Protein backbone atom coordinates (compact mmCIF):
# COMPACT_ATOMS: atom_id res chain seq x y z
CA MET A 1 65.93 128.12 104.91
CA ASN A 2 67.36 126.43 101.83
CA ASN A 3 70.76 128.05 102.40
CA THR A 4 70.76 126.83 106.00
CA ARG A 5 69.84 123.31 104.89
CA GLN A 6 72.57 123.32 102.25
CA LEU A 7 75.11 124.53 104.79
CA VAL A 8 74.15 121.84 107.31
CA GLU A 9 74.19 119.05 104.71
CA SER A 10 77.49 120.25 103.28
CA ALA A 11 79.10 120.34 106.71
CA PHE A 12 77.72 116.90 107.57
CA LEU A 13 78.86 115.25 104.32
CA ALA A 14 82.25 116.99 104.49
CA ALA A 15 82.68 115.65 108.03
CA ILE A 16 81.82 112.13 106.83
CA THR A 17 84.38 112.46 104.04
CA ALA A 18 87.00 113.65 106.53
CA VAL A 19 86.31 110.68 108.83
CA LEU A 20 86.68 108.28 105.90
CA VAL A 21 89.99 109.91 104.94
CA ILE A 22 91.23 109.59 108.54
CA LEU A 23 90.24 105.90 108.59
CA SER A 24 92.07 105.33 105.31
CA VAL A 25 95.23 107.08 106.57
CA TYR A 26 95.41 105.63 110.10
CA PHE A 27 94.11 102.13 109.31
CA PRO A 28 95.75 101.01 106.04
CA PRO A 29 94.09 97.54 106.06
CA LEU A 30 90.72 99.33 105.83
CA ALA A 31 91.87 101.64 103.04
CA ILE A 32 90.91 99.20 100.27
CA VAL A 33 87.28 99.23 101.41
CA VAL A 34 87.12 102.82 102.68
CA ASP A 35 88.45 104.31 99.43
CA PHE A 36 85.47 102.87 97.54
CA VAL A 37 83.11 104.76 99.87
CA THR A 38 84.97 108.07 100.20
CA PRO A 39 83.76 109.60 96.87
CA ILE A 40 80.10 108.92 97.72
CA PRO A 41 79.42 111.84 100.13
CA ILE A 42 81.00 114.23 97.63
CA ALA A 43 78.87 112.85 94.78
CA VAL A 44 75.72 113.12 96.90
CA LEU A 45 76.58 116.71 97.76
CA VAL A 46 77.04 117.63 94.09
CA VAL A 47 73.76 115.94 93.11
CA ARG A 48 71.75 117.57 95.88
CA HIS A 49 73.37 121.00 95.71
CA SER A 50 76.25 122.00 93.41
CA THR A 51 79.74 121.19 92.21
CA LYS A 52 81.02 124.16 94.18
CA ALA A 53 79.66 122.60 97.38
CA GLY A 54 81.47 119.36 96.51
CA ILE A 55 84.78 121.17 95.98
CA LEU A 56 84.41 122.99 99.30
CA ALA A 57 83.68 119.66 101.00
CA ILE A 58 86.93 118.25 99.61
CA GLY A 59 88.78 121.24 101.05
CA VAL A 60 87.22 120.71 104.47
CA ALA A 61 87.94 116.98 104.24
CA ALA A 62 91.60 117.85 103.67
CA ILE A 63 91.87 120.28 106.58
CA LEU A 64 90.26 118.17 109.31
CA PRO A 65 92.61 115.14 108.98
CA LEU A 66 95.61 117.49 108.99
CA LEU A 67 94.43 118.84 112.35
CA THR A 68 94.79 115.29 113.71
CA MET A 69 98.49 115.38 112.67
CA ALA A 70 97.85 112.96 109.82
CA ASP A 71 100.57 112.59 107.20
CA PRO A 72 99.85 115.29 104.55
CA ILE A 73 101.04 113.09 101.68
CA SER A 74 98.71 110.26 102.75
CA VAL A 75 95.78 112.67 103.12
CA PHE A 76 96.24 114.20 99.68
CA THR A 77 96.83 110.77 98.16
CA VAL A 78 93.39 109.65 99.31
CA LEU A 79 91.66 112.88 98.29
CA PHE A 80 93.25 113.10 94.84
CA LYS A 81 92.23 109.51 94.21
CA THR A 82 88.65 109.83 95.47
CA GLY A 83 87.72 113.52 95.31
CA PRO A 84 87.67 114.00 91.52
CA LEU A 85 85.74 110.74 91.17
CA GLY A 86 83.03 112.02 93.52
CA LEU A 87 82.80 115.33 91.65
CA VAL A 88 82.56 113.61 88.26
CA TYR A 89 79.89 111.15 89.42
CA GLY A 90 77.85 113.91 91.02
CA TYR A 91 78.08 116.06 87.89
CA PHE A 92 77.16 113.28 85.44
CA ILE A 93 74.38 111.80 87.58
CA LYS A 94 72.83 115.21 88.24
CA ARG A 95 72.60 115.78 84.47
CA ASN A 96 71.24 112.26 83.93
CA LEU A 97 73.94 111.29 81.43
CA LYS A 98 74.41 107.70 80.28
CA PRO A 99 75.69 105.32 83.01
CA THR A 100 78.38 103.90 80.71
CA LEU A 101 79.63 107.44 80.03
CA THR A 102 79.56 108.17 83.76
CA VAL A 103 81.70 105.13 84.62
CA ALA A 104 84.11 105.91 81.76
CA ALA A 105 84.50 109.48 83.01
CA GLY A 106 85.00 108.13 86.52
CA MET A 107 87.79 105.88 85.27
CA VAL A 108 89.51 108.85 83.62
CA ALA A 109 89.12 110.95 86.78
CA GLY A 110 90.48 108.15 88.96
CA THR A 111 93.45 107.59 86.66
CA LEU A 112 94.32 111.30 86.50
CA GLY A 113 93.99 111.57 90.28
CA THR A 114 96.32 108.62 90.77
CA VAL A 115 98.92 109.98 88.34
CA ILE A 116 98.79 113.46 89.94
CA THR A 117 99.19 111.90 93.37
CA TRP A 118 102.24 109.95 92.29
CA GLY A 119 103.68 113.05 90.66
CA ILE A 120 103.33 115.00 93.91
CA THR A 121 104.77 112.07 95.88
CA PHE A 122 107.79 111.88 93.58
CA PHE A 123 108.30 115.67 93.75
CA LEU A 124 108.22 115.69 97.56
CA THR A 125 109.94 112.40 98.41
CA LYS A 126 111.92 111.56 95.23
CA ILE A 127 110.42 108.06 95.44
CA ASN A 128 109.50 106.82 91.97
CA PRO A 129 106.25 104.81 92.23
CA PHE A 130 106.80 103.45 88.73
CA ALA A 131 110.07 101.77 89.72
CA ILE A 132 108.36 98.71 91.15
CA GLY A 133 110.74 96.32 89.43
CA ARG A 134 113.50 96.81 92.01
CA ASN A 135 111.20 95.95 94.89
CA MET A 136 109.95 92.85 93.12
CA GLU A 137 113.50 91.81 92.29
CA GLU A 138 114.54 92.09 95.95
CA ALA A 139 111.44 90.18 97.02
CA GLY A 140 112.25 87.42 94.52
CA LYS A 141 115.79 87.09 95.87
CA GLN A 142 114.47 86.83 99.42
CA VAL A 143 112.03 84.09 98.41
CA LEU A 144 114.82 82.15 96.71
CA GLU A 145 117.05 82.47 99.77
CA PHE A 146 114.19 81.22 101.94
CA TYR A 147 113.74 78.17 99.69
CA TYR A 148 117.47 77.46 99.81
CA LYS A 149 117.69 77.77 103.61
CA THR A 150 114.66 75.58 104.25
CA GLY A 151 115.85 72.95 101.79
CA LEU A 152 112.76 73.16 99.60
CA ILE A 153 114.99 73.79 96.59
CA LYS A 154 118.66 72.99 96.17
CA PRO A 155 120.90 75.65 94.58
CA GLY A 156 122.16 74.84 91.09
CA THR A 157 119.35 72.46 90.20
CA GLU A 158 117.18 72.85 87.11
CA GLN A 159 114.21 73.78 89.30
CA ALA A 160 116.24 76.51 91.00
CA LYS A 161 117.32 77.95 87.64
CA MET A 162 113.74 77.99 86.33
CA LEU A 163 112.52 79.72 89.48
CA ALA A 164 115.35 82.27 89.33
CA ASP A 165 114.54 83.02 85.67
CA THR A 166 110.87 83.48 86.57
CA PHE A 167 111.68 85.91 89.37
CA ALA A 168 114.06 87.77 87.04
CA GLN A 169 111.36 88.21 84.37
CA MET A 170 108.54 89.23 86.73
CA PRO A 171 109.90 92.75 87.51
CA LYS A 172 110.36 93.49 83.81
CA ILE A 173 106.83 92.36 82.98
CA ALA A 174 105.39 94.29 85.94
CA GLU A 175 107.08 97.54 84.90
CA LEU A 176 106.03 96.96 81.30
CA LEU A 177 102.35 96.48 82.21
CA PHE A 178 102.21 99.07 84.98
CA PRO A 179 100.39 101.80 82.96
CA GLY A 180 97.77 99.30 81.82
CA ALA A 181 97.36 98.01 85.35
CA ILE A 182 96.65 101.58 86.52
CA LEU A 183 93.84 101.97 83.97
CA ILE A 184 92.33 98.58 84.74
CA SER A 185 92.40 99.16 88.50
CA SER A 186 90.87 102.62 87.96
CA LEU A 187 88.08 101.06 85.90
CA ILE A 188 87.32 98.48 88.61
CA PHE A 189 87.46 101.17 91.28
CA ALA A 190 85.14 103.45 89.27
CA TYR A 191 82.65 100.64 88.62
CA LEU A 192 82.37 99.53 92.26
CA THR A 193 82.10 103.12 93.50
CA PHE A 194 79.39 103.80 90.90
CA ILE A 195 77.33 100.84 92.15
CA LEU A 196 77.57 102.04 95.76
CA THR A 197 76.82 105.66 94.83
CA LYS A 198 73.75 104.71 92.82
CA LYS A 199 72.39 102.53 95.63
CA LEU A 200 72.69 105.35 98.15
CA LEU A 201 71.12 107.90 95.79
CA SER A 202 68.25 105.48 95.14
CA ARG A 203 67.60 105.33 98.88
CA LEU A 204 67.57 109.13 98.93
CA GLY A 205 64.89 109.17 96.24
CA TYR A 206 67.02 109.90 93.16
CA SER A 207 66.31 107.89 90.03
CA TYR A 208 69.20 107.13 87.70
CA PRO A 209 69.45 104.48 84.96
CA ASP A 210 71.24 101.22 85.70
CA LEU A 211 74.14 99.85 83.75
CA PRO A 212 73.10 96.99 81.46
CA PRO A 213 73.00 93.62 83.28
CA PHE A 214 76.38 91.88 83.20
CA ARG A 215 75.15 89.10 80.90
CA PHE A 216 74.43 91.71 78.18
CA TRP A 217 77.85 93.39 78.23
CA ARG A 218 79.41 93.42 74.76
CA MET A 219 82.47 95.35 73.67
CA PRO A 220 82.22 97.72 70.66
CA LEU A 221 83.94 97.03 67.38
CA TRP A 222 86.29 100.00 67.73
CA LEU A 223 87.88 98.30 70.75
CA LEU A 224 88.95 95.47 68.46
CA LEU A 225 90.62 98.07 66.24
CA VAL A 226 92.47 99.42 69.29
CA MET A 227 93.70 95.90 70.04
CA ALA A 228 94.86 95.51 66.43
CA VAL A 229 96.76 98.81 66.66
CA GLY A 230 98.34 97.59 69.90
CA VAL A 231 99.48 94.35 68.26
CA LEU A 232 100.93 96.32 65.34
CA MET A 233 102.77 98.75 67.63
CA PHE A 234 104.17 95.96 69.79
CA SER A 235 105.27 93.61 67.03
CA GLY A 236 106.15 96.12 64.32
CA PHE A 237 108.39 98.50 66.28
CA PRO A 238 110.79 96.39 68.39
CA LYS A 239 113.54 99.00 67.95
CA TYR A 240 111.37 101.70 69.54
CA PRO A 241 110.77 100.70 73.18
CA VAL A 242 108.26 103.47 73.92
CA ILE A 243 106.01 102.59 70.96
CA SER A 244 106.36 98.88 71.72
CA ARG A 245 105.47 99.44 75.36
CA ILE A 246 102.39 101.49 74.47
CA GLY A 247 101.30 98.73 72.11
CA PHE A 248 101.79 96.06 74.75
CA ASN A 249 99.67 98.01 77.24
CA LEU A 250 96.94 98.53 74.64
CA MET A 251 96.90 94.75 74.14
CA TYR A 252 96.78 94.22 77.90
CA ILE A 253 93.89 96.65 78.50
CA THR A 254 91.78 95.54 75.54
CA GLY A 255 92.51 91.91 76.36
CA PHE A 256 91.13 92.45 79.86
CA LEU A 257 87.97 94.09 78.48
CA PHE A 258 87.41 91.31 75.96
CA PHE A 259 87.92 88.76 78.73
CA ILE A 260 85.14 90.48 80.70
CA SER A 261 83.00 90.38 77.55
CA GLY A 262 83.73 86.66 77.21
CA LEU A 263 82.63 86.07 80.80
CA SER A 264 79.46 88.03 80.03
CA ILE A 265 78.51 85.91 77.02
CA THR A 266 79.32 82.77 79.03
CA VAL A 267 76.95 83.87 81.81
CA PHE A 268 74.30 84.64 79.16
CA ALA A 269 74.68 81.17 77.63
CA PHE A 270 74.47 79.45 81.02
CA LYS A 271 71.56 81.56 82.30
CA ASN A 272 69.51 81.12 79.13
CA GLN A 273 70.38 77.42 78.87
CA ILE A 274 71.86 77.82 75.39
CA LEU A 275 74.09 74.80 76.02
CA PRO A 276 72.92 71.34 77.12
CA PRO A 277 73.55 70.45 80.80
CA LEU A 278 76.34 68.01 79.89
CA TRP A 279 78.24 70.71 77.98
CA ARG A 280 77.83 73.19 80.82
CA THR A 281 79.22 70.66 83.29
CA PHE A 282 82.13 69.90 80.97
CA LEU A 283 83.02 73.59 80.60
CA ILE A 284 82.94 74.14 84.38
CA VAL A 285 85.22 71.15 85.00
CA PHE A 286 87.51 72.26 82.15
CA GLY A 287 87.78 75.74 83.67
CA ILE A 288 88.70 74.31 87.08
CA LEU A 289 91.29 71.85 85.75
CA TYR A 290 92.87 74.05 83.07
CA PRO A 291 92.51 77.74 84.12
CA PRO A 292 95.02 79.22 81.59
CA MET A 293 93.36 77.49 78.63
CA ALA A 294 89.91 78.42 79.94
CA MET A 295 90.93 82.08 80.26
CA TRP A 296 92.30 82.06 76.72
CA PHE A 297 89.06 80.50 75.46
CA ILE A 298 86.97 83.16 77.24
CA LEU A 299 89.14 85.92 75.75
CA VAL A 300 88.66 84.56 72.22
CA LEU A 301 84.94 84.18 72.92
CA GLY A 302 84.72 87.85 73.91
CA ILE A 303 86.49 88.95 70.71
CA SER A 304 84.26 86.69 68.61
CA ASP A 305 81.12 88.07 70.26
CA THR A 306 82.11 91.58 69.21
CA LEU A 307 82.37 90.37 65.61
CA PHE A 308 79.32 88.09 65.43
CA ASP A 309 76.94 89.16 68.26
CA PHE A 310 76.09 85.67 69.52
CA ARG A 311 73.14 86.84 71.62
CA LYS A 312 71.34 88.17 68.56
CA LYS A 313 71.94 84.94 66.66
CA TRP A 314 70.79 82.78 69.58
CA GLU A 315 67.68 84.87 70.14
CA SER A 316 66.75 84.83 66.45
CA GLY A 317 67.36 81.08 66.33
CA ARG A 318 65.12 80.57 69.36
CA VAL A 319 62.36 82.68 67.78
CA ASN A 320 62.56 80.63 64.58
CA ASP A 321 62.35 77.39 66.54
CA GLU A 322 59.31 78.62 68.45
CA SER A 323 57.58 79.77 65.24
CA ASN A 324 58.25 76.40 63.57
CA THR A 325 56.83 74.60 66.59
CA THR A 326 53.71 76.81 66.46
CA ASP A 327 53.23 76.16 62.73
CA ARG A 328 53.42 72.41 63.24
CA SER A 329 50.87 72.46 66.01
């Protein structure tokens, strides 16, 4: 009876995965949303049965879309991106490991899946997915030509030169930050998929710990050391492009994480009314009027929170104030 139930559930969840893959391949606008959901049936299958059942479901999910004459590269792109993530989440959740460890493992699985997919794509089509600079450069030239034709900008003016310089620098920066962007996008993808997977498993009766609430997110001290190493590699080895590029990406990734940490401590301060109403209003207006400066401030705040743990200081200060008030009364 149990074997029959497992077989039926496996077939059903594999069919759902196959349908999601078909939707992602044939309806690209839906792919952004569908790809977040595709790992979930695989994760559920691993939690309820076994990793082997999840792997078999991925195989079935690959065969069914191919029978509809779907593009094989597109099918395997979706499955390599989402399949390992579903297996990892199912494995970690089934063993009740820490949620933060689960999401971190999901990010690694998503990144490896993406890199493998691009490697296969390059091997089969000779199209280098890392060479995005050329496409951006062509797009920049087309935008400039459009501005010239419509009369929005006159050729040879100072404004035209500044815009041309900006478009010339963008491809270089994009190629430089591309590895870091892959990791950051994989982290966001893993986090959102984890939230959806946990909600579905909760409805199915499975209990699994939540991630800490966003307002309590705080980056560890070792991440600050990684940022320092990145700064050293970027600024100390200008004659070694590979080392410099690795350092720049380390700065980019850790900077993003500390920015998230800064947003977290900001939400904590607002939610717990640490700041007076006038200051909160001022900060909101400042953020709207001067976004770059506000983002820099939030980044510094996130780094500072790792060093000084503002929540602990605020909570201890509040306890002292309450005890003093009690003593006076």
